[in-house]
């Protein structure tokens, strides 16, 4: 008798579980609270976001840019600012249908993780708000004092890097692809490598290119909410 494989359910975050992009929103929030120049930062932030949508983003350049303001202000300022960001930007964006989707998989006994190209400082409290302890995000290098340097640590969880990071995550649990039955929910063509790697890809609130591809391949399409 073949042993039943462990069910693993993976969720992208931005535009998949959230109707907004948390990384881009954090940038707008830092402008709002006066941490960044409202004109120059917005121009550069919007440019980086356009590159992400187009699949041409240099993630290392972007992360240096995105975390510079918080790096300069330190950990305590980050904690206070992110608590406000959660109250004002993220909590209003938590949709009951997205929360329930996560709960359904948890109640079914699946191992659940969020896999996102957004950095850990922005996303760890958001994952907690969804009740998900396992977060695979862009990890940040730390200095001797334990604070971020602005560089990425390890493989960034973006495009093909998501496959690598999920493999590492599985390995730490004594698992591999053959020993698990995997589902991945994502909105973006940027996540095509992981969508193609899992057993059950689900195009969730998909962008037009992913929707078209999902229709061609017969993948499940799930519209939880309209894309913001």
Protein backbone atom coordinates (compact mmCIF):
# COMPACT_ATOMS: atom_id res chain seq x y z
CA UNK A 1 0.00 0.00 0.00
CA UNK A 2 1.33 3.44 -0.94
CA UNK A 3 1.73 5.80 2.02
CA UNK A 4 -0.43 8.89 1.88
CA UNK A 5 1.57 11.95 1.02
CA UNK A 6 1.64 14.96 3.35
CA UNK A 7 -0.59 17.73 2.01
CA UNK A 8 1.20 21.06 1.70
CA UNK A 9 -0.67 24.24 0.75
CA UNK A 10 1.28 27.32 -0.29
CA UNK A 11 -0.11 30.82 -0.71
CA UNK A 12 1.35 33.81 -2.44
CA UNK A 13 0.44 36.96 -0.50
CA UNK A 14 0.04 40.14 -2.54
CA UNK A 15 -3.06 40.17 -4.78
CA UNK A 16 -3.62 36.52 -3.81
CA UNK A 17 -4.59 36.62 -0.13
CA UNK A 18 -4.50 40.42 -0.02
CA UNK A 19 -6.22 42.65 -2.60
CA UNK A 20 -3.24 45.02 -2.38
CA UNK A 21 0.54 44.75 -2.78
CA UNK A 22 1.91 44.96 0.76
CA UNK A 23 5.42 45.91 -0.39
CA UNK A 24 4.24 48.79 -2.55
CA UNK A 25 1.77 49.83 0.15
CA UNK A 26 4.53 49.89 2.78
CA UNK A 27 6.44 52.26 0.52
CA UNK A 28 3.43 54.54 0.27
CA UNK A 29 3.00 54.35 4.03
CA UNK A 30 6.61 55.48 4.62
CA UNK A 31 5.87 58.50 2.46
CA UNK A 32 2.74 59.21 4.51
CA UNK A 33 4.64 59.22 7.81
CA UNK A 34 7.47 61.35 6.45
CA UNK A 35 10.21 58.73 6.26
CA UNK A 36 10.78 59.19 2.53
CA UNK A 37 10.64 61.99 -0.01
CA UNK A 38 7.09 61.99 -1.37
CA UNK A 39 8.10 62.80 -4.94
CA UNK A 40 11.36 60.93 -5.51
CA UNK A 41 10.42 57.85 -3.50
CA UNK A 42 7.03 57.51 -5.19
CA UNK A 43 8.62 57.79 -8.63
CA UNK A 44 11.21 55.11 -7.86
CA UNK A 45 8.73 52.89 -6.00
CA UNK A 46 6.29 52.99 -8.91
CA UNK A 47 9.10 52.21 -11.36
CA UNK A 48 10.23 49.18 -9.35
CA UNK A 49 6.62 47.98 -9.12
CA UNK A 50 6.20 48.28 -12.89
CA UNK A 51 9.34 46.16 -13.33
CA UNK A 52 7.89 43.56 -10.93
CA UNK A 53 4.66 43.37 -12.92
CA UNK A 54 6.69 43.04 -16.13
CA UNK A 55 8.92 40.32 -14.62
CA UNK A 56 12.08 42.42 -15.00
CA UNK A 57 12.69 43.48 -11.39
CA UNK A 58 16.23 43.32 -9.96
CA UNK A 59 15.18 42.18 -6.51
CA UNK A 60 18.51 43.06 -4.86
CA UNK A 61 18.33 46.67 -6.06
CA UNK A 62 14.72 46.88 -5.03
CA UNK A 63 15.24 45.52 -1.52
CA UNK A 64 18.11 47.96 -0.85
CA UNK A 65 15.79 50.77 -1.89
CA UNK A 66 12.72 49.46 -0.07
CA UNK A 67 14.34 48.92 3.34
CA UNK A 68 16.65 51.94 3.43
CA UNK A 69 14.30 54.18 5.38
CA UNK A 70 13.57 51.60 8.07
CA UNK A 71 17.22 50.51 8.21
CA UNK A 72 18.27 54.07 9.07
CA UNK A 73 15.61 54.46 11.77
CA UNK A 74 16.20 51.22 13.63
CA UNK A 75 14.22 48.38 15.12
CA UNK A 76 12.04 50.23 17.62
CA UNK A 77 10.90 52.79 15.07
CA UNK A 78 10.11 49.91 12.69
CA UNK A 79 7.98 48.12 15.30
CA UNK A 80 5.94 51.23 16.05
CA UNK A 81 5.52 52.13 12.39
CA UNK A 82 4.53 48.63 11.34
CA UNK A 83 1.90 48.40 14.06
CA UNK A 84 0.33 51.52 12.58
CA UNK A 85 0.73 50.12 9.05
CA UNK A 86 -1.15 46.99 10.11
CA UNK A 87 -3.98 49.03 11.65
CA UNK A 88 -4.38 51.51 8.83
CA UNK A 89 -3.47 49.56 5.69
CA UNK A 90 -3.47 45.80 6.23
CA UNK A 91 -6.33 45.08 8.63
CA UNK A 92 -8.85 46.88 6.36
CA UNK A 93 -7.55 44.75 3.46
CA UNK A 94 -8.08 41.38 5.20
CA UNK A 95 -10.95 39.77 3.33
CA UNK A 96 -13.15 37.17 5.09
CA UNK A 97 -13.06 34.88 2.05
CA UNK A 98 -9.24 34.87 2.06
CA UNK A 99 -9.07 34.18 5.79
CA UNK A 100 -11.59 31.35 5.40
CA UNK A 101 -9.64 29.80 2.52
CA UNK A 102 -6.57 29.58 4.75
CA UNK A 103 -8.64 28.18 7.61
CA UNK A 104 -10.15 25.49 5.35
CA UNK A 105 -6.72 24.12 4.53
CA UNK A 106 -5.60 24.32 8.14
CA UNK A 107 -8.73 22.49 9.34
CA UNK A 108 -8.07 19.81 6.72
CA UNK A 109 -4.68 19.20 8.33
CA UNK A 110 -2.55 20.66 5.55
CA UNK A 111 0.86 22.11 6.26
CA UNK A 112 0.28 25.75 5.28
CA UNK A 113 2.87 28.37 4.36
CA UNK A 114 2.89 31.82 2.78
CA UNK A 115 5.51 32.17 0.04
CA UNK A 116 6.11 35.77 -0.94
CA UNK A 117 8.63 37.92 -2.80
CA UNK A 118 8.09 40.68 -0.25
CA UNK A 119 10.64 40.99 2.54
CA UNK A 120 10.22 39.53 6.00
CA UNK A 121 9.94 42.86 7.83
CA UNK A 122 6.81 43.77 5.91
CA UNK A 123 5.23 40.33 5.77
CA UNK A 124 5.83 38.47 9.02
CA UNK A 125 3.16 40.40 10.95
CA UNK A 126 0.80 39.97 7.97
CA UNK A 127 1.32 36.21 7.95
CA UNK A 128 0.52 36.24 11.68
CA UNK A 129 -2.72 38.11 10.95
CA UNK A 130 -3.69 35.25 8.66
CA UNK A 131 -2.83 32.77 11.41
CA UNK A 132 0.03 31.31 9.36
CA UNK A 133 3.22 30.59 11.29
CA UNK A 134 5.25 29.37 8.30
CA UNK A 135 6.51 32.27 6.18
CA UNK A 136 8.86 31.96 3.23
CA UNK A 137 9.79 35.54 2.40
CA UNK A 138 12.82 37.51 1.25
CA UNK A 139 15.15 37.23 4.23
CA UNK A 140 17.36 40.17 5.13
CA UNK A 141 21.00 40.08 6.08
CA UNK A 142 21.75 41.18 9.65
CA UNK A 143 24.76 42.96 11.10
CA UNK A 144 26.59 42.09 14.33
CA UNK A 145 23.94 43.97 16.32
CA UNK A 146 21.14 41.97 14.67
CA UNK A 147 19.74 44.79 12.53
CA UNK A 148 19.29 44.73 8.78
CA UNK A 149 22.09 45.79 6.41
CA UNK A 150 19.91 46.34 3.34
CA UNK A 151 21.16 43.21 1.60
CA UNK A 152 19.31 39.93 0.99
CA UNK A 153 20.33 36.82 2.92
CA UNK A 154 20.29 33.62 0.89
CA UNK A 155 18.09 32.98 -2.11
CA UNK A 156 15.35 35.57 -2.63
CA UNK A 157 11.89 34.01 -2.77
CA UNK A 158 11.05 35.40 -6.19
CA UNK A 159 10.30 33.67 -9.49
CA UNK A 160 12.43 30.49 -9.60
CA UNK A 161 13.78 31.34 -6.17
CA UNK A 162 10.41 30.39 -4.70
CA UNK A 163 10.94 26.81 -5.87
CA UNK A 164 14.39 26.75 -4.26
CA UNK A 165 13.14 28.21 -0.99
CA UNK A 166 10.19 25.78 -0.81
CA UNK A 167 12.60 22.89 -1.41
CA UNK A 168 14.76 24.14 1.46
CA UNK A 169 11.68 24.49 3.67
CA UNK A 170 10.58 20.94 2.87
CA UNK A 171 14.07 19.56 3.47
CA UNK A 172 14.18 21.09 6.95
CA UNK A 173 11.07 19.07 7.72
CA UNK A 174 12.49 15.85 6.37
CA UNK A 175 10.32 16.04 3.25
CA UNK A 176 10.83 16.30 -0.49
CA UNK A 177 8.61 16.89 -3.51
CA UNK A 178 7.88 13.18 -3.92
CA UNK A 179 6.67 12.90 -0.34
CA UNK A 180 4.14 15.74 -0.44
CA UNK A 181 0.99 16.65 -2.34
CA UNK A 182 1.31 20.35 -3.07
CA UNK A 183 -1.16 23.12 -3.84
CA UNK A 184 -0.11 26.68 -4.64
CA UNK A 185 -2.38 29.71 -4.92
CA UNK A 186 -0.98 32.68 -6.86
CA UNK A 187 -2.13 35.63 -8.93
CA UNK A 188 1.03 36.28 -10.92
CA UNK A 189 2.99 35.03 -13.92
CA UNK A 190 6.07 35.82 -11.81
CA UNK A 191 5.15 32.66 -9.88
CA UNK A 192 4.99 30.41 -12.93
CA UNK A 193 8.02 28.30 -11.86
CA UNK A 194 6.32 27.28 -8.59
CA UNK A 195 2.89 26.93 -10.19
CA UNK A 196 4.41 24.49 -12.67
CA UNK A 197 6.22 22.58 -9.90
CA UNK A 198 3.28 21.83 -7.61
CA UNK A 199 0.63 19.15 -8.03
CA UNK A 200 -2.33 21.55 -7.89
CA UNK A 201 -1.74 25.08 -9.24
CA UNK A 202 -4.56 27.52 -8.53
CA UNK A 203 -4.61 30.81 -10.44
CA UNK A 204 -6.07 33.11 -7.79
CA UNK A 205 -7.33 36.58 -8.75
CA UNK A 206 -4.99 36.05 -11.72
CA UNK A 207 -3.44 38.76 -13.83
CA UNK A 208 -4.54 38.59 -17.50
CA UNK A 209 -1.52 36.57 -18.66
CA UNK A 210 -1.89 34.00 -15.89
CA UNK A 211 -5.64 33.75 -16.43
CA UNK A 212 -5.09 33.01 -20.11
CA UNK A 213 -2.41 30.42 -19.34
CA UNK A 214 -4.55 28.76 -16.67
CA UNK A 215 -7.43 28.47 -19.12
CA UNK A 216 -5.12 26.89 -21.71
CA UNK A 217 -3.73 24.36 -19.25
CA UNK A 218 -6.96 23.59 -17.44
CA UNK A 219 -5.75 24.90 -14.11
CA UNK A 220 -8.27 25.86 -11.47
CA UNK A 221 -9.08 29.59 -11.45
CA UNK A 222 -10.28 31.15 -8.20
CA UNK A 223 -11.51 34.73 -7.96
CA UNK A 224 -11.57 35.62 -4.27
CA UNK A 225 -11.90 39.35 -4.93
CA UNK A 226 -11.21 41.97 -7.58
CA UNK A 227 -7.61 43.01 -8.04
CA UNK A 228 -6.88 46.46 -6.57
